[in-house]
Amino acid sequence: MVIVGGFNELTKKNLEQCHIEHSWLEKLSEVELIEQYQRCDMITFISTIEGFGMPILEAQAVGRPIVTSNVSSMPEVAGDGACYVDPFDIDAIHRGILKVIQDINYRNILIEKGYANIKRFELTKVSNMYLDLYQNIYSASAPRKF
């Protein structure tokens, strides 16, 4: 298991007690982060609170299946391109990970849907959405002529 992100002593202790081989990587450059995504078999992003969930899109962009939470912003970000699990249910997380590992067809569907999903977040689409929003705000606040 490779963990990318801030170090957590309690998590390290739990991994060691369960005899799970792991490494912890922090402060990666963009190139190093992309390399880690490309090296992995899947991404697990089992978070309970996220502002957006960028690792979901990063995983989808490099064609990796993702197991993520069915709460917070994760479903809105991942669309149909993720295996959703209850982040408070260890058995559900275990079943989700096993399904992605064992069911090649399901795994390939997630990857395909992930590639389709990231198109919603292309720079031109997002820029145009912001432009539309600003134009609507401007139009609504402009003085009206009678």
Protein backbone atom coordinates (compact mmCIF):
# COMPACT_ATOMS: atom_id res chain seq x y z
CA MET A 1 0.00 0.00 0.00
CA VAL A 2 1.29 3.44 -0.89
CA ILE A 3 -0.20 6.35 1.01
CA VAL A 4 0.16 9.78 -0.54
CA GLY A 5 -0.49 12.70 1.76
CA GLY A 6 0.04 13.93 5.28
CA PHE A 7 1.58 11.48 7.73
CA ASN A 8 -0.63 10.15 10.51
CA GLU A 9 0.90 8.25 13.43
CA LEU A 10 -2.34 6.46 14.36
CA THR A 11 -2.82 5.17 10.81
CA LYS A 12 0.80 4.01 10.71
CA LYS A 13 0.35 2.18 14.01
CA ASN A 14 -2.84 0.46 12.76
CA LEU A 15 -1.17 -0.62 9.51
CA GLU A 16 1.77 -2.06 11.41
CA GLN A 17 -0.51 -3.91 13.86
CA CYS A 18 -2.32 -5.48 10.88
CA HIS A 19 1.02 -6.32 9.22
CA ILE A 20 0.18 -4.32 6.09
CA GLU A 21 3.22 -3.39 4.04
CA HIS A 22 3.08 0.30 3.26
CA SER A 23 5.04 3.37 2.35
CA TRP A 24 4.16 6.96 3.01
CA LEU A 25 4.89 9.69 0.47
CA GLU A 26 4.52 13.39 1.14
CA LYS A 27 5.20 16.63 -0.72
CA LEU A 28 5.43 15.05 -4.16
CA SER A 29 6.01 17.13 -7.25
CA GLU A 30 3.30 17.02 -9.91
CA VAL A 31 5.41 14.62 -12.00
CA GLU A 32 6.02 12.33 -9.00
CA LEU A 33 2.30 12.33 -8.16
CA ILE A 34 1.35 11.37 -11.72
CA GLU A 35 3.94 8.58 -11.60
CA GLN A 36 2.37 7.22 -8.41
CA TYR A 37 -1.08 7.22 -10.03
CA GLN A 38 0.31 5.39 -13.06
CA ARG A 39 2.05 2.75 -10.91
CA CYS A 40 -0.97 1.80 -8.86
CA ASP A 41 -3.73 -0.72 -9.53
CA MET A 42 -6.50 1.35 -7.98
CA ILE A 43 -7.10 4.41 -5.86
CA THR A 44 -8.97 4.28 -2.59
CA PHE A 45 -10.23 7.66 -1.45
CA ILE A 46 -12.42 6.76 1.49
CA SER A 47 -12.93 10.20 2.96
CA THR A 48 -15.79 11.47 5.08
CA ILE A 49 -15.40 15.20 4.44
CA GLU A 50 -14.03 16.79 1.29
CA GLY A 51 -14.31 20.19 -0.26
CA PHE A 52 -13.97 18.79 -3.77
CA GLY A 53 -12.07 15.50 -4.04
CA MET A 54 -9.37 16.20 -6.62
CA PRO A 55 -7.74 12.74 -6.25
CA ILE A 56 -10.88 11.29 -7.84
CA LEU A 57 -10.36 13.24 -11.05
CA GLU A 58 -6.62 12.65 -10.99
CA ALA A 59 -7.20 8.89 -10.78
CA GLN A 60 -9.77 8.98 -13.56
CA ALA A 61 -7.47 11.04 -15.77
CA VAL A 62 -4.79 8.32 -15.72
CA GLY A 63 -7.27 5.48 -16.12
CA ARG A 64 -7.32 4.06 -12.63
CA PRO A 65 -10.44 2.67 -10.98
CA ILE A 66 -11.40 4.43 -7.79
CA VAL A 67 -13.14 3.26 -4.64
CA THR A 68 -14.52 6.26 -2.83
CA SER A 69 -17.08 7.35 -0.28
CA ASN A 70 -20.77 7.70 -0.98
CA VAL A 71 -20.87 10.90 1.09
CA SER A 72 -19.82 14.54 0.87
CA SER A 73 -18.76 15.72 -2.60
CA MET A 74 -17.42 12.41 -3.88
CA PRO A 75 -20.52 11.26 -5.83
CA GLU A 76 -20.88 14.67 -7.47
CA VAL A 77 -17.24 14.67 -8.53
CA ALA A 78 -16.83 11.02 -9.59
CA GLY A 79 -20.13 10.66 -11.42
CA ASP A 80 -20.66 7.10 -12.66
CA GLY A 81 -16.93 6.40 -12.70
CA ALA A 82 -16.37 5.11 -9.17
CA CYS A 83 -17.16 2.28 -6.82
CA TYR A 84 -19.00 3.88 -3.92
CA VAL A 85 -18.79 2.59 -0.36
CA ASP A 86 -20.03 3.66 3.04
CA PRO A 87 -16.91 5.21 4.63
CA PHE A 88 -18.15 4.22 8.09
CA ASP A 89 -18.54 0.53 7.23
CA ILE A 90 -15.30 -1.47 7.08
CA ASP A 91 -17.06 -4.46 5.49
CA ALA A 92 -18.51 -2.24 2.74
CA ILE A 93 -15.06 -0.83 2.03
CA HIS A 94 -13.61 -4.35 1.91
CA ARG A 95 -16.36 -5.53 -0.48
CA GLY A 96 -15.82 -2.52 -2.76
CA ILE A 97 -12.08 -3.06 -2.99
CA LEU A 98 -12.52 -6.79 -3.66
CA LYS A 99 -15.11 -6.10 -6.35
CA VAL A 100 -12.71 -3.80 -8.21
CA ILE A 101 -9.90 -6.35 -7.87
CA GLN A 102 -11.89 -9.44 -8.78
CA ASP A 103 -14.40 -8.23 -11.38
CA ILE A 104 -12.40 -7.22 -14.47
CA ASN A 105 -15.52 -6.18 -16.39
CA TYR A 106 -16.65 -3.90 -13.54
CA ARG A 107 -13.12 -2.49 -13.24
CA ASN A 108 -13.00 -1.71 -16.98
CA ILE A 109 -16.43 -0.06 -16.86
CA LEU A 110 -15.26 2.17 -14.00
CA ILE A 111 -12.18 3.17 -15.98
CA GLU A 112 -14.25 3.90 -19.10
CA LYS A 113 -16.80 5.93 -17.14
CA GLY A 114 -13.97 7.73 -15.36
CA TYR A 115 -12.52 8.89 -18.68
CA ALA A 116 -15.98 10.11 -19.70
CA ASN A 117 -16.49 11.83 -16.36
CA ILE A 118 -13.35 13.95 -16.45
CA LYS A 119 -14.59 15.61 -19.63
CA ARG A 120 -17.10 17.47 -17.43
CA PHE A 121 -14.15 19.24 -15.82
CA GLU A 122 -12.18 20.27 -18.91
CA LEU A 123 -10.77 23.78 -18.63
CA THR A 124 -12.87 25.27 -21.43
CA LYS A 125 -16.11 23.84 -20.01
CA VAL A 126 -15.39 25.07 -16.50
CA SER A 127 -14.26 28.47 -17.81
CA ASN A 128 -17.45 28.84 -19.83
CA MET A 129 -19.55 27.89 -16.81
CA TYR A 130 -17.87 30.63 -14.78
CA LEU A 131 -18.33 33.11 -17.63
CA ASP A 132 -22.05 32.27 -17.80
CA LEU A 133 -22.35 32.64 -14.05
CA TYR A 134 -20.65 36.04 -14.02
CA GLN A 135 -22.76 37.24 -16.94
CA ASN A 136 -25.94 36.17 -15.15
CA ILE A 137 -24.86 37.92 -11.97
CA TYR A 138 -24.00 41.05 -13.92
CA SER A 139 -27.30 40.98 -15.79
CA ALA A 140 -29.26 40.53 -12.58
CA SER A 141 -27.48 43.42 -10.86
CA ALA A 142 -27.41 45.88 -13.77
CA PRO A 143 -29.68 48.90 -13.42
CA ARG A 144 -32.96 48.39 -15.25
CA LYS A 145 -34.29 50.91 -17.70
CA PHE A 146 -38.01 51.57 -17.62
